Amino acid sequence: IGSSTTPGRVWKGHHMPGHMGNIRVTVSGLKVIKVDSENNLLAVKGAVPGYSNNYVMIRKTTKQKRQVIKPIIAEQKAESLKKDAKKQAAAKK
């Protein structure tokens, strides 16, 4: 695994020393289900990364909720049906 030797890469699955952990992981979209202030517990729906009995930082979300847009096609159909009904009523007179 020296510099500029053949094959010039590490074979897949080769045992080598490395670095594991010591990184911050952020998970978003989890919901707090229950707060037990008596026992100092929080129930969170979803997976929380990290080891057992470790510190967890919980913050309010910074993302805003998406606004639901009504389907434009349904509104256009309703408007066209009203126009057709008016035209038919005018034609019958």
N, C-alpha and C. Protein backbone atom coordinates (compact mmCIF):
# COMPACT_ATOMS: atom_id res chain seq x y z
N ILE A 1 0.84 -1.17 0.00
CA ILE A 1 0.00 0.00 0.00
C ILE A 1 0.90 1.25 0.00
N GLY A 2 2.11 1.12 -0.39
CA GLY A 2 3.02 2.27 -0.46
C GLY A 2 2.67 3.17 -1.62
N SER A 3 3.36 4.28 -1.71
CA SER A 3 3.05 5.24 -2.77
C SER A 3 3.54 4.73 -4.12
N SER A 4 2.76 4.92 -5.12
CA SER A 4 3.03 4.56 -6.53
C SER A 4 3.50 3.13 -6.70
N THR A 5 2.88 2.19 -6.01
CA THR A 5 3.18 0.78 -6.23
C THR A 5 1.95 0.13 -6.82
N THR A 6 2.15 -0.97 -7.47
CA THR A 6 1.03 -1.68 -8.07
C THR A 6 0.29 -2.42 -6.98
N PRO A 7 -0.97 -2.40 -6.87
CA PRO A 7 -1.99 -1.89 -7.77
C PRO A 7 -2.33 -0.43 -7.55
N GLY A 8 -1.74 0.25 -6.60
CA GLY A 8 -1.99 1.68 -6.41
C GLY A 8 -3.33 1.98 -5.76
N ARG A 9 -3.90 1.01 -5.11
CA ARG A 9 -5.17 1.20 -4.43
C ARG A 9 -5.28 0.17 -3.32
N VAL A 10 -6.32 0.27 -2.53
CA VAL A 10 -6.57 -0.68 -1.45
C VAL A 10 -7.61 -1.67 -1.94
N TRP A 11 -7.31 -2.94 -1.80
CA TRP A 11 -8.26 -3.97 -2.22
C TRP A 11 -9.50 -3.93 -1.33
N LYS A 12 -10.64 -4.21 -1.92
CA LYS A 12 -11.91 -4.22 -1.20
C LYS A 12 -11.86 -5.27 -0.09
N GLY A 13 -12.24 -4.87 1.13
CA GLY A 13 -12.27 -5.79 2.25
C GLY A 13 -10.92 -5.98 2.92
N HIS A 14 -9.89 -5.24 2.53
CA HIS A 14 -8.55 -5.37 3.11
C HIS A 14 -8.56 -4.79 4.51
N HIS A 15 -8.01 -5.51 5.48
CA HIS A 15 -7.99 -5.06 6.87
C HIS A 15 -6.91 -4.00 7.04
N MET A 16 -7.35 -2.81 7.44
CA MET A 16 -6.42 -1.72 7.67
C MET A 16 -6.89 -0.90 8.86
N PRO A 17 -5.98 -0.20 9.51
CA PRO A 17 -6.40 0.66 10.62
C PRO A 17 -7.21 1.84 10.09
N GLY A 18 -8.08 2.34 10.92
CA GLY A 18 -8.90 3.46 10.48
C GLY A 18 -9.37 4.29 11.64
N HIS A 19 -10.33 5.15 11.39
CA HIS A 19 -10.87 6.03 12.42
C HIS A 19 -12.39 5.86 12.41
N MET A 20 -12.95 5.54 13.57
CA MET A 20 -14.39 5.31 13.63
C MET A 20 -14.99 6.19 14.72
N GLY A 21 -16.09 6.82 14.41
CA GLY A 21 -16.79 7.65 15.39
C GLY A 21 -16.26 9.07 15.42
N ASN A 22 -16.55 9.76 16.52
CA ASN A 22 -16.11 11.12 16.76
C ASN A 22 -16.59 12.08 15.67
N ILE A 23 -17.79 11.86 15.17
CA ILE A 23 -18.37 12.77 14.19
C ILE A 23 -19.77 13.15 14.67
N ARG A 24 -20.20 14.34 14.32
CA ARG A 24 -21.54 14.78 14.69
C ARG A 24 -22.53 14.32 13.64
N VAL A 25 -23.63 13.75 14.08
CA VAL A 25 -24.67 13.28 13.18
C VAL A 25 -25.94 14.05 13.48
N THR A 26 -26.56 14.58 12.43
CA THR A 26 -27.80 15.32 12.58
C THR A 26 -28.93 14.56 11.91
N VAL A 27 -30.00 14.35 12.64
CA VAL A 27 -31.16 13.67 12.10
C VAL A 27 -32.34 14.63 12.20
N SER A 28 -33.05 14.82 11.10
CA SER A 28 -34.19 15.73 11.13
C SER A 28 -35.47 14.96 10.87
N GLY A 29 -36.57 15.54 11.26
CA GLY A 29 -37.86 14.95 10.99
C GLY A 29 -38.37 14.02 12.07
N LEU A 30 -37.71 13.98 13.22
CA LEU A 30 -38.19 13.13 14.31
C LEU A 30 -39.21 13.89 15.14
N LYS A 31 -40.17 13.18 15.68
CA LYS A 31 -41.22 13.82 16.47
C LYS A 31 -41.09 13.40 17.93
N VAL A 32 -41.26 14.37 18.82
CA VAL A 32 -41.26 14.09 20.26
C VAL A 32 -42.67 13.63 20.61
N ILE A 33 -42.76 12.39 21.09
CA ILE A 33 -44.06 11.79 21.38
C ILE A 33 -44.51 12.09 22.82
N LYS A 34 -43.56 11.95 23.76
CA LYS A 34 -43.94 12.09 25.15
C LYS A 34 -42.81 12.74 25.93
N VAL A 35 -43.15 13.59 26.90
CA VAL A 35 -42.17 14.22 27.77
C VAL A 35 -42.50 13.83 29.20
N ASP A 36 -41.54 13.17 29.87
CA ASP A 36 -41.69 12.77 31.27
C ASP A 36 -40.70 13.57 32.09
N SER A 37 -41.13 14.73 32.59
CA SER A 37 -40.22 15.61 33.33
C SER A 37 -39.87 15.04 34.70
N GLU A 38 -40.73 14.20 35.24
CA GLU A 38 -40.46 13.60 36.54
C GLU A 38 -39.22 12.70 36.50
N ASN A 39 -39.12 11.88 35.46
CA ASN A 39 -37.99 10.96 35.31
C ASN A 39 -36.94 11.48 34.35
N ASN A 40 -37.11 12.71 33.84
CA ASN A 40 -36.17 13.33 32.91
C ASN A 40 -36.01 12.48 31.64
N LEU A 41 -37.15 12.11 31.05
CA LEU A 41 -37.15 11.27 29.85
C LEU A 41 -37.90 11.94 28.71
N LEU A 42 -37.46 11.66 27.48
CA LEU A 42 -38.12 12.11 26.27
C LEU A 42 -38.38 10.90 25.41
N ALA A 43 -39.58 10.76 24.86
CA ALA A 43 -39.87 9.69 23.92
C ALA A 43 -39.88 10.29 22.52
N VAL A 44 -39.01 9.76 21.65
CA VAL A 44 -38.87 10.28 20.30
C VAL A 44 -39.23 9.18 19.32
N LYS A 45 -40.03 9.54 18.30
CA LYS A 45 -40.40 8.56 17.29
C LYS A 45 -39.33 8.54 16.21
N GLY A 46 -38.63 7.41 16.09
CA GLY A 46 -37.58 7.27 15.09
C GLY A 46 -36.26 6.89 15.74
N ALA A 47 -35.26 6.67 14.90
CA ALA A 47 -33.95 6.24 15.36
C ALA A 47 -33.10 7.44 15.76
N VAL A 48 -32.47 7.34 16.92
CA VAL A 48 -31.57 8.39 17.40
C VAL A 48 -30.15 7.83 17.34
N PRO A 49 -29.25 8.45 16.56
CA PRO A 49 -27.90 7.92 16.43
C PRO A 49 -27.09 8.14 17.70
N GLY A 50 -26.10 7.27 17.91
CA GLY A 50 -25.20 7.42 19.05
C GLY A 50 -25.27 6.23 19.98
N TYR A 51 -24.45 6.29 21.00
CA TYR A 51 -24.36 5.22 21.97
C TYR A 51 -25.41 5.39 23.06
N SER A 52 -25.66 4.32 23.80
CA SER A 52 -26.59 4.38 24.93
C SER A 52 -26.00 5.25 26.02
N ASN A 53 -26.85 5.90 26.78
CA ASN A 53 -26.46 6.77 27.89
C ASN A 53 -25.53 7.90 27.45
N ASN A 54 -25.72 8.39 26.24
CA ASN A 54 -24.92 9.49 25.72
C ASN A 54 -25.77 10.75 25.66
N TYR A 55 -25.17 11.89 25.44
CA TYR A 55 -25.89 13.15 25.34
C TYR A 55 -26.53 13.29 23.96
N VAL A 56 -27.73 13.87 23.96
CA VAL A 56 -28.44 14.13 22.71
C VAL A 56 -28.90 15.58 22.75
N MET A 57 -28.63 16.30 21.67
CA MET A 57 -29.06 17.70 21.58
C MET A 57 -30.33 17.76 20.74
N ILE A 58 -31.37 18.37 21.30
CA ILE A 58 -32.64 18.47 20.60
C ILE A 58 -32.93 19.95 20.38
N ARG A 59 -33.22 20.30 19.11
CA ARG A 59 -33.51 21.69 18.75
C ARG A 59 -34.81 21.75 17.99
N LYS A 60 -35.38 22.95 17.96
CA LYS A 60 -36.55 23.18 17.13
C LYS A 60 -36.12 23.11 15.68
N THR A 61 -37.02 22.74 14.82
CA THR A 61 -36.68 22.63 13.41
C THR A 61 -36.51 24.02 12.80
N THR A 62 -35.60 24.11 11.86
CA THR A 62 -35.39 25.38 11.16
C THR A 62 -36.10 25.38 9.82
N LYS A 63 -36.51 24.19 9.38
CA LYS A 63 -37.22 24.09 8.11
C LYS A 63 -38.68 24.45 8.32
N GLN A 64 -39.25 25.14 7.36
CA GLN A 64 -40.66 25.50 7.46
C GLN A 64 -41.49 24.42 6.78
N LYS A 65 -42.72 24.28 7.24
CA LYS A 65 -43.60 23.28 6.65
C LYS A 65 -43.96 23.67 5.23
N ARG A 66 -44.08 22.67 4.39
CA ARG A 66 -44.45 22.92 3.00
C ARG A 66 -45.93 23.26 2.92
N GLN A 67 -46.25 24.23 2.09
CA GLN A 67 -47.65 24.59 1.91
C GLN A 67 -48.27 23.66 0.89
N VAL A 68 -49.45 23.18 1.20
CA VAL A 68 -50.15 22.28 0.29
C VAL A 68 -50.84 23.13 -0.77
N ILE A 69 -50.53 22.84 -2.01
CA ILE A 69 -51.12 23.59 -3.13
C ILE A 69 -52.29 22.79 -3.66
N LYS A 70 -53.44 23.46 -3.75
CA LYS A 70 -54.62 22.78 -4.28
C LYS A 70 -54.40 22.47 -5.75
N PRO A 71 -54.89 21.34 -6.19
CA PRO A 71 -54.72 21.01 -7.60
C PRO A 71 -55.41 22.03 -8.50
N ILE A 72 -54.65 22.61 -9.38
CA ILE A 72 -55.18 23.65 -10.28
C ILE A 72 -56.15 23.03 -11.29
N ILE A 73 -55.89 21.80 -11.66
CA ILE A 73 -56.72 21.14 -12.67
C ILE A 73 -58.16 21.03 -12.18
N ALA A 74 -58.35 20.67 -10.91
CA ALA A 74 -59.71 20.53 -10.36
C ALA A 74 -60.45 21.87 -10.39
N GLU A 75 -59.74 22.95 -10.08
CA GLU A 75 -60.37 24.27 -10.11
C GLU A 75 -60.74 24.66 -11.54
N GLN A 76 -59.87 24.37 -12.48
CA GLN A 76 -60.14 24.71 -13.87
C GLN A 76 -61.33 23.91 -14.40
N LYS A 77 -61.42 22.65 -14.00
CA LYS A 77 -62.56 21.83 -14.42
C LYS A 77 -63.86 22.41 -13.88
N ALA A 78 -63.84 22.81 -12.61
CA ALA A 78 -65.06 23.39 -12.00
C ALA A 78 -65.46 24.67 -12.71
N GLU A 79 -64.49 25.50 -13.03
CA GLU A 79 -64.79 26.75 -13.73
C GLU A 79 -65.35 26.48 -15.13
N SER A 80 -64.76 25.52 -15.84
CA SER A 80 -65.24 25.22 -17.20
C SER A 80 -66.64 24.61 -17.16
N LEU A 81 -66.95 23.81 -16.14
CA LEU A 81 -68.28 23.24 -16.02
C LEU A 81 -69.32 24.34 -15.77
N LYS A 82 -68.95 25.35 -14.95
CA LYS A 82 -69.86 26.47 -14.71
C LYS A 82 -70.12 27.25 -15.99
N LYS A 83 -69.05 27.48 -16.77
CA LYS A 83 -69.19 28.22 -18.02
C LYS A 83 -70.07 27.45 -19.01
N ASP A 84 -69.87 26.12 -19.08
CA ASP A 84 -70.67 25.29 -19.98
C ASP A 84 -72.14 25.31 -19.57
N ALA A 85 -72.40 25.27 -18.27
CA ALA A 85 -73.78 25.30 -17.77
C ALA A 85 -74.44 26.63 -18.12
N LYS A 86 -73.69 27.73 -18.00
CA LYS A 86 -74.24 29.04 -18.35
C LYS A 86 -74.54 29.13 -19.84
N LYS A 87 -73.64 28.57 -20.67
CA LYS A 87 -73.84 28.59 -22.12
C LYS A 87 -75.07 27.78 -22.51
N GLN A 88 -75.24 26.60 -21.87
CA GLN A 88 -76.39 25.75 -22.18
C GLN A 88 -77.69 26.42 -21.73
N ALA A 89 -77.66 27.09 -20.58
CA ALA A 89 -78.85 27.78 -20.08
C ALA A 89 -79.21 28.94 -21.02
N ALA A 90 -78.19 29.63 -21.53
CA ALA A 90 -78.44 30.75 -22.45
C ALA A 90 -78.94 30.23 -23.80
N ALA A 91 -78.47 29.06 -24.23
CA ALA A 91 -78.89 28.48 -25.51
C ALA A 91 -80.33 27.99 -25.45
N LYS A 92 -80.77 27.53 -24.28
CA LYS A 92 -82.14 27.03 -24.13
C LYS A 92 -83.15 28.17 -24.15
N LYS A 93 -82.75 29.37 -23.78
CA LYS A 93 -83.67 30.51 -23.73
C LYS A 93 -83.92 31.00 -25.08
